[in-house]
C-alpha atoms as a PDB file:
ATOM      1  CA  MET A   1      14.599 -10.831   3.498  1.00  0.00           C
ATOM      2  CA  LYS A   2      13.757  -7.823   1.127  1.00  0.00           C
ATOM      3  CA  HIS A   3      12.513  -4.425   2.218  1.00  0.00           C
ATOM      4  CA  TYR A   4      10.468  -1.987   0.200  1.00  0.00           C
ATOM      5  CA  LEU A   5       8.692   1.335   0.610  1.00  0.00           C
ATOM      6  CA  CYS A   6       5.658   1.042  -1.405  1.00  0.00           C
ATOM      7  CA  LYS A   7       3.686   4.130  -2.610  1.00  0.00           C
ATOM      8  CA  PHE A   8      -0.110   3.643  -3.456  1.00  0.00           C
ATOM      9  CA  ILE A   9      -0.877   6.175  -6.137  1.00  0.00           C
ATOM     10  CA  PRO A  10      -4.605   6.902  -6.085  1.00  0.00           C
ATOM     11  CA  PRO A  11      -6.427   7.602  -9.628  1.00  0.00           C
ATOM     12  CA  ARG A  12      -6.723  11.499  -8.867  1.00  0.00           C
ATOM     13  CA  ALA A  13      -5.195  13.945  -6.580  1.00  0.00           C
ATOM     14  CA  ASP A  14      -8.556  14.553  -4.719  1.00  0.00           C
ATOM     15  CA  PHE A  15      -9.208  10.915  -4.342  1.00  0.00           C
ATOM     16  CA  LEU A  16      -9.847  10.856  -0.667  1.00  0.00           C
ATOM     17  CA  ALA A  17     -12.372  13.625  -0.734  1.00  0.00           C
ATOM     18  CA  THR A  18     -14.155  12.412  -3.802  1.00  0.00           C
ATOM     19  CA  MET A  19     -14.495   8.507  -3.475  1.00  0.00           C
ATOM     20  CA  SER A  20     -17.399   6.993  -5.127  1.00  0.00           C
ATOM     21  CA  ALA A  21     -19.303   4.393  -2.929  1.00  0.00           C
ATOM     22  CA  ASP A  22     -17.618   1.658  -4.709  1.00  0.00           C
ATOM     23  CA  GLU A  23     -14.236   3.253  -4.283  1.00  0.00           C
ATOM     24  CA  LYS A  24     -15.008   3.728  -0.431  1.00  0.00           C
ATOM     25  CA  LYS A  25     -15.916   0.003  -0.265  1.00  0.00           C
ATOM     26  CA  TRP A  26     -12.577  -1.032  -1.957  1.00  0.00           C
ATOM     27  CA  MET A  27     -10.542   1.425   0.265  1.00  0.00           C
ATOM     28  CA  GLY A  28     -12.067  -0.496   3.193  1.00  0.00           C
ATOM     29  CA  GLN A  29     -10.942  -3.762   1.560  1.00  0.00           C
ATOM     30  CA  HIS A  30      -7.450  -2.165   1.032  1.00  0.00           C
ATOM     31  CA  GLY A  31      -7.225  -1.401   4.735  1.00  0.00           C
ATOM     32  CA  VAL A  32      -8.151  -4.888   5.697  1.00  0.00           C
ATOM     33  CA  PHE A  33      -5.618  -6.318   3.100  1.00  0.00           C
ATOM     34  CA  LEU A  34      -2.804  -4.147   4.559  1.00  0.00           C
ATOM     35  CA  ASN A  35      -3.789  -4.918   8.118  1.00  0.00           C
ATOM     36  CA  ASP A  36      -3.804  -8.617   7.455  1.00  0.00           C
ATOM     37  CA  LEU A  37      -0.206  -8.350   6.116  1.00  0.00           C
ATOM     38  CA  LEU A  38       0.648  -6.278   8.972  1.00  0.00           C
ATOM     39  CA  GLY A  39      -0.540  -8.884  11.350  1.00  0.00           C
ATOM     40  CA  LYS A  40       1.541 -11.481   9.426  1.00  0.00           C
ATOM     41  CA  GLY A  41       4.642  -9.279   9.753  1.00  0.00           C
ATOM     42  CA  VAL A  42       4.784  -8.698   5.874  1.00  0.00           C
ATOM     43  CA  VAL A  43       3.871  -4.964   6.384  1.00  0.00           C
ATOM     44  CA  ILE A  44       5.734  -3.078   9.045  1.00  0.00           C
ATOM     45  CA  ALA A  45       3.811   0.130   8.858  1.00  0.00           C
ATOM     46  CA  HIS A  46       1.225   1.679   6.506  1.00  0.00           C
ATOM     47  CA  GLY A  47      -0.944   4.829   6.206  1.00  0.00           C
ATOM     48  CA  PRO A  48      -2.091   7.804   4.119  1.00  0.00           C
ATOM     49  CA  VAL A  49       0.033  10.809   3.536  1.00  0.00           C
ATOM     50  CA  MET A  50      -1.859  14.033   3.378  1.00  0.00           C
ATOM     51  CA  ASP A  51       0.364  15.930   0.705  1.00  0.00           C
ATOM     52  CA  PRO A  52      -1.260  19.148  -0.448  1.00  0.00           C
ATOM     53  CA  ALA A  53      -0.268  18.156  -4.026  1.00  0.00           C
ATOM     54  CA  GLY A  54      -2.362  15.114  -3.694  1.00  0.00           C
ATOM     55  CA  SER A  55      -2.680  12.375  -1.039  1.00  0.00           C
ATOM     56  CA  TYR A  56      -1.215   8.941  -1.427  1.00  0.00           C
ATOM     57  CA  GLY A  57      -0.357   5.803   0.664  1.00  0.00           C
ATOM     58  CA  VAL A  58       2.703   4.563   1.913  1.00  0.00           C
ATOM     59  CA  SER A  59       3.606   1.118   3.342  1.00  0.00           C
ATOM     60  CA  LEU A  60       6.784  -0.506   4.333  1.00  0.00           C
ATOM     61  CA  PHE A  61       7.040  -4.274   3.453  1.00  0.00           C
ATOM     62  CA  GLN A  62       9.385  -6.951   4.663  1.00  0.00           C
ATOM     63  CA  ILE A  63       9.234 -10.007   2.239  1.00  0.00           C
ATOM     64  CA  GLU A  64      10.978 -13.194   1.725  1.00  0.00           C
ATOM     65  CA  ASP A  65      13.819 -13.182  -0.894  1.00  0.00           C
ATOM     66  CA  ASP A  66      11.742 -15.495  -3.117  1.00  0.00           C
ATOM     67  CA  GLN A  67       8.543 -13.059  -2.989  1.00  0.00           C
ATOM     68  CA  ASP A  68       7.927 -10.533  -5.639  1.00  0.00           C
ATOM     69  CA  ILE A  69       6.640  -7.113  -4.408  1.00  0.00           C
ATOM     70  CA  GLY A  70       4.718  -6.394  -7.551  1.00  0.00           C
ATOM     71  CA  GLU A  71       2.878  -9.854  -7.282  1.00  0.00           C
ATOM     72  CA  LEU A  72       2.076  -9.023  -3.589  1.00  0.00           C
ATOM     73  CA  THR A  73       0.785  -5.474  -4.112  1.00  0.00           C
ATOM     74  CA  SER A  74      -1.207  -6.650  -7.196  1.00  0.00           C
ATOM     75  CA  GLN A  75      -3.335  -8.674  -4.784  1.00  0.00           C
ATOM     76  CA  ASP A  76      -4.564  -5.524  -3.074  1.00  0.00           C
ATOM     77  CA  PRO A  77      -8.435  -5.141  -3.743  1.00  0.00           C
ATOM     78  CA  ILE A  78      -8.179  -1.489  -4.576  1.00  0.00           C
ATOM     79  CA  VAL A  79      -5.507  -2.300  -7.342  1.00  0.00           C
ATOM     80  CA  GLN A  80      -7.601  -5.441  -8.585  1.00  0.00           C
ATOM     81  CA  ASN A  81     -10.581  -3.125  -9.001  1.00  0.00           C
ATOM     82  CA  GLY A  82      -8.431  -0.782 -11.202  1.00  0.00           C
ATOM     83  CA  VAL A  83      -8.314   2.145  -8.690  1.00  0.00           C
ATOM     84  CA  GLY A  84      -4.664   3.315  -8.565  1.00  0.00           C
ATOM     85  CA  HIS A  85      -1.445   1.589  -8.610  1.00  0.00           C
ATOM     86  CA  TYR A  86       1.827   0.996  -6.463  1.00  0.00           C
ATOM     87  CA  GLU A  87       5.206   2.242  -7.022  1.00  0.00           C
ATOM     88  CA  HIS A  88       8.044   0.075  -5.358  1.00  0.00           C
ATOM     89  CA  PHE A  89      11.242   1.267  -4.008  1.00  0.00           C
ATOM     90  CA  LYS A  90      13.727  -1.263  -2.759  1.00  0.00           C
ATOM     91  CA  MET A  91      15.615  -0.454   0.466  1.00  0.00           C
ATOM     92  CA  LEU A  92      18.999  -1.593   1.424  1.00  0.00           C
ATOM     93  CA  HIS A  93      17.781  -2.629   4.964  1.00  0.00           C
ATOM     94  CA  LEU A  94      15.134  -1.571   7.337  1.00  0.00           C
ATOM     95  CA  THR A  95      15.672  -1.036  10.915  1.00  0.00           C
ATOM     96  CA  ALA A  96      12.417  -0.679  13.065  1.00  0.00           C
ATOM     97  CA  ARG A  97      11.630  -0.091  16.645  1.00  0.00           C
ATOM     98  CA  GLY A  98      10.887  -3.333  18.660  1.00  0.00           C
END
């Protein structure tokens, strides 16, 4: 298994406060996408980070050795609609509660 900290970078610093109707719809789909992966055990945790310099999202992934994290996150509806991107940081291991 491989583990990643993934940072979702929105298209602008004030994104959460200034989303268009379409962006709100895609963010809803983004949440459904991550929650589905959470239910499958692929995502360990996810959520928004309220950074005064500009909010972003963080998720922890646990994927099979033959999976590609870039391919997986490229399937996120918010990314497919051209609204932001992910940065991927490989972790040496991940220890979680439970």
